[in-house]
Amino acid sequence: MIDKTKIKKQIEKVMHDFIKELNKAEGVKQDFGSERDKSTRDVIKKDQDKDFRKLMFENAPKKNQDFILMEKKHW
């Protein structure tokens, strides 16, 4: 059985040791990551390409009315 608390402590030790060694390195930027004013990006509205659907169906080897038929993991 896996001891989750033991693994968690090992992970915390590895991360702590990594940060400690990283702080010793020369030329490393002190501020890791970046802060944004907003946590999400603005939605960009794009016009639909009218010919996209037609081209996709023309290129599809197997199709059935409004659906493209595919097989999983089949090359």
N, C-alpha and C. Protein backbone atom coordinates (compact mmCIF):
# COMPACT_ATOMS: atom_id res chain seq x y z
N MET A 1 0.84 -1.19 0.00
CA MET A 1 0.00 0.00 0.00
C MET A 1 0.88 1.24 0.00
N ILE A 2 0.46 2.27 -0.68
CA ILE A 2 1.22 3.51 -0.80
C ILE A 2 0.91 4.41 0.39
N ASP A 3 1.97 4.88 1.04
CA ASP A 3 1.82 5.81 2.16
C ASP A 3 1.84 7.24 1.61
N LYS A 4 0.65 7.82 1.48
CA LYS A 4 0.53 9.14 0.86
C LYS A 4 1.22 10.23 1.68
N THR A 5 1.17 10.14 3.00
CA THR A 5 1.80 11.18 3.82
C THR A 5 3.32 11.13 3.67
N LYS A 6 3.87 9.94 3.56
CA LYS A 6 5.32 9.80 3.38
C LYS A 6 5.74 10.40 2.03
N ILE A 7 4.97 10.10 0.99
CA ILE A 7 5.27 10.64 -0.34
C ILE A 7 5.15 12.15 -0.34
N LYS A 8 4.12 12.67 0.32
CA LYS A 8 3.93 14.13 0.38
C LYS A 8 5.11 14.80 1.08
N LYS A 9 5.60 14.22 2.16
CA LYS A 9 6.75 14.78 2.87
C LYS A 9 8.01 14.73 1.99
N GLN A 10 8.17 13.65 1.23
CA GLN A 10 9.32 13.55 0.33
C GLN A 10 9.25 14.62 -0.77
N ILE A 11 8.07 14.83 -1.29
CA ILE A 11 7.89 15.85 -2.33
C ILE A 11 8.19 17.23 -1.78
N GLU A 12 7.70 17.52 -0.58
CA GLU A 12 7.96 18.83 0.04
C GLU A 12 9.45 19.02 0.27
N LYS A 13 10.15 17.97 0.66
CA LYS A 13 11.59 18.07 0.89
C LYS A 13 12.33 18.33 -0.43
N VAL A 14 11.94 17.64 -1.47
CA VAL A 14 12.58 17.83 -2.78
C VAL A 14 12.37 19.27 -3.25
N MET A 15 11.13 19.76 -3.15
CA MET A 15 10.84 21.14 -3.58
C MET A 15 11.62 22.15 -2.73
N HIS A 16 11.67 21.93 -1.43
CA HIS A 16 12.40 22.85 -0.55
C HIS A 16 13.89 22.86 -0.90
N ASP A 17 14.46 21.66 -1.10
CA ASP A 17 15.88 21.57 -1.46
C ASP A 17 16.16 22.21 -2.83
N PHE A 18 15.23 22.03 -3.77
CA PHE A 18 15.39 22.60 -5.10
C PHE A 18 15.40 24.13 -5.02
N ILE A 19 14.45 24.71 -4.32
CA ILE A 19 14.39 26.17 -4.18
C ILE A 19 15.62 26.69 -3.45
N LYS A 20 16.07 25.96 -2.45
CA LYS A 20 17.26 26.36 -1.70
C LYS A 20 18.49 26.41 -2.61
N GLU A 21 18.67 25.38 -3.44
CA GLU A 21 19.80 25.34 -4.37
C GLU A 21 19.63 26.38 -5.48
N LEU A 22 18.42 26.60 -5.92
CA LEU A 22 18.16 27.58 -6.96
C LEU A 22 18.51 28.98 -6.48
N ASN A 23 18.26 29.26 -5.23
CA ASN A 23 18.61 30.56 -4.66
C ASN A 23 20.12 30.79 -4.62
N LYS A 24 20.89 29.71 -4.58
CA LYS A 24 22.35 29.83 -4.56
C LYS A 24 22.92 30.12 -5.95
N ALA A 25 22.20 29.77 -6.98
CA ALA A 25 22.68 29.92 -8.36
C ALA A 25 22.84 31.39 -8.72
N GLU A 26 23.90 31.68 -9.46
CA GLU A 26 24.15 33.05 -9.89
C GLU A 26 23.42 33.33 -11.21
N GLY A 27 22.99 34.56 -11.37
CA GLY A 27 22.35 34.96 -12.60
C GLY A 27 20.91 34.50 -12.73
N VAL A 28 20.33 33.99 -11.67
CA VAL A 28 18.94 33.54 -11.71
C VAL A 28 18.05 34.68 -11.26
N LYS A 29 17.01 34.92 -12.02
CA LYS A 29 16.06 35.97 -11.68
C LYS A 29 15.37 35.63 -10.36
N GLN A 30 15.25 36.57 -9.48
CA GLN A 30 14.67 36.32 -8.16
C GLN A 30 13.16 36.14 -8.19
N ASP A 31 12.48 36.85 -9.07
CA ASP A 31 11.03 36.75 -9.11
C ASP A 31 10.61 35.70 -10.12
N PHE A 32 10.07 34.61 -9.64
CA PHE A 32 9.61 33.54 -10.52
C PHE A 32 8.16 33.79 -10.88
N GLY A 33 7.78 33.47 -12.11
CA GLY A 33 6.41 33.65 -12.56
C GLY A 33 6.12 35.09 -12.89
N SER A 34 4.88 35.35 -13.18
CA SER A 34 4.48 36.71 -13.50
C SER A 34 3.09 36.96 -12.94
N GLU A 35 2.83 38.18 -12.60
CA GLU A 35 1.54 38.57 -12.06
C GLU A 35 0.77 39.33 -13.13
N ARG A 36 -0.49 39.00 -13.28
CA ARG A 36 -1.34 39.70 -14.23
C ARG A 36 -2.43 40.44 -13.47
N ASP A 37 -2.90 41.53 -14.08
CA ASP A 37 -4.01 42.25 -13.48
C ASP A 37 -5.28 41.42 -13.52
N LYS A 38 -5.45 40.72 -14.64
CA LYS A 38 -6.62 39.86 -14.79
C LYS A 38 -6.15 38.42 -14.92
N SER A 39 -6.90 37.49 -14.35
CA SER A 39 -6.47 36.10 -14.39
C SER A 39 -6.88 35.40 -15.68
N THR A 40 -7.81 35.98 -16.44
CA THR A 40 -8.22 35.38 -17.69
C THR A 40 -8.05 36.37 -18.83
N ARG A 41 -7.97 35.85 -20.02
CA ARG A 41 -7.82 36.70 -21.20
C ARG A 41 -9.20 37.08 -21.73
N ASP A 42 -9.23 38.17 -22.49
CA ASP A 42 -10.47 38.60 -23.11
C ASP A 42 -10.83 37.66 -24.25
N VAL A 43 -12.12 37.44 -24.42
CA VAL A 43 -12.59 36.60 -25.51
C VAL A 43 -12.53 37.39 -26.81
N ILE A 44 -11.94 36.78 -27.81
CA ILE A 44 -11.83 37.43 -29.11
C ILE A 44 -12.87 36.80 -30.03
N LYS A 45 -13.77 37.60 -30.50
CA LYS A 45 -14.83 37.11 -31.38
C LYS A 45 -14.29 37.07 -32.81
N LYS A 46 -14.37 35.91 -33.44
CA LYS A 46 -13.87 35.75 -34.80
C LYS A 46 -15.04 35.41 -35.72
N ASP A 47 -14.94 35.87 -36.94
CA ASP A 47 -15.94 35.52 -37.94
C ASP A 47 -15.76 34.07 -38.35
N GLN A 48 -16.88 33.38 -38.57
CA GLN A 48 -16.80 32.00 -39.02
C GLN A 48 -16.45 31.93 -40.50
N ASP A 49 -15.64 30.97 -40.83
CA ASP A 49 -15.28 30.74 -42.21
C ASP A 49 -16.39 29.91 -42.85
N LYS A 50 -17.08 30.47 -43.80
CA LYS A 50 -18.23 29.82 -44.42
C LYS A 50 -17.84 28.55 -45.17
N ASP A 51 -16.64 28.51 -45.73
CA ASP A 51 -16.21 27.37 -46.53
C ASP A 51 -15.55 26.27 -45.71
N PHE A 52 -15.29 26.49 -44.43
CA PHE A 52 -14.57 25.53 -43.61
C PHE A 52 -15.30 24.19 -43.55
N ARG A 53 -16.59 24.21 -43.23
CA ARG A 53 -17.36 22.98 -43.10
C ARG A 53 -17.37 22.22 -44.43
N LYS A 54 -17.57 22.93 -45.51
CA LYS A 54 -17.61 22.30 -46.83
C LYS A 54 -16.27 21.63 -47.15
N LEU A 55 -15.16 22.33 -46.88
CA LEU A 55 -13.83 21.78 -47.15
C LEU A 55 -13.54 20.55 -46.28
N MET A 56 -13.95 20.61 -45.01
CA MET A 56 -13.72 19.47 -44.12
C MET A 56 -14.46 18.23 -44.61
N PHE A 57 -15.70 18.41 -45.04
CA PHE A 57 -16.47 17.26 -45.53
C PHE A 57 -15.94 16.76 -46.86
N GLU A 58 -15.42 17.63 -47.69
CA GLU A 58 -14.84 17.19 -48.95
C GLU A 58 -13.57 16.36 -48.71
N ASN A 59 -12.80 16.72 -47.68
CA ASN A 59 -11.54 16.02 -47.39
C ASN A 59 -11.73 14.75 -46.58
N ALA A 60 -12.86 14.61 -45.90
CA ALA A 60 -13.08 13.45 -45.03
C ALA A 60 -13.29 12.19 -45.87
N PRO A 61 -12.56 11.11 -45.57
CA PRO A 61 -12.72 9.89 -46.35
C PRO A 61 -14.05 9.19 -46.07
N LYS A 62 -14.55 9.27 -44.83
CA LYS A 62 -15.82 8.63 -44.48
C LYS A 62 -16.72 9.68 -43.85
N LYS A 63 -17.95 9.74 -44.35
CA LYS A 63 -18.89 10.70 -43.79
C LYS A 63 -20.30 10.13 -43.87
N ASN A 64 -21.17 10.64 -43.02
CA ASN A 64 -22.55 10.19 -42.95
C ASN A 64 -23.43 11.41 -42.69
N GLN A 65 -24.05 11.93 -43.69
CA GLN A 65 -24.89 13.13 -43.61
C GLN A 65 -24.12 14.30 -42.98
N ASP A 66 -24.40 14.63 -41.72
CA ASP A 66 -23.76 15.77 -41.07
C ASP A 66 -22.58 15.39 -40.18
N PHE A 67 -22.10 14.14 -40.28
CA PHE A 67 -21.04 13.68 -39.39
C PHE A 67 -19.85 13.15 -40.17
N ILE A 68 -18.66 13.39 -39.64
CA ILE A 68 -17.44 12.79 -40.17
C ILE A 68 -17.19 11.54 -39.33
N LEU A 69 -17.03 10.39 -39.99
CA LEU A 69 -16.81 9.13 -39.28
C LEU A 69 -15.32 8.89 -39.13
N MET A 70 -14.90 8.59 -37.91
CA MET A 70 -13.49 8.32 -37.63
C MET A 70 -13.36 7.11 -36.75
N GLU A 71 -12.20 6.52 -36.82
CA GLU A 71 -11.90 5.39 -35.94
C GLU A 71 -10.78 5.81 -35.00
N LYS A 72 -10.93 5.44 -33.77
CA LYS A 72 -9.93 5.77 -32.76
C LYS A 72 -8.67 4.92 -32.98
N LYS A 73 -7.52 5.58 -32.94
CA LYS A 73 -6.21 4.93 -33.07
C LYS A 73 -6.09 4.14 -34.37
N HIS A 74 -6.66 4.64 -35.42
CA HIS A 74 -6.57 3.97 -36.71
C HIS A 74 -5.82 4.89 -37.67
N TRP A 75 -4.73 4.39 -38.24
CA TRP A 75 -3.93 5.23 -39.12
C TRP A 75 -4.06 4.73 -40.52
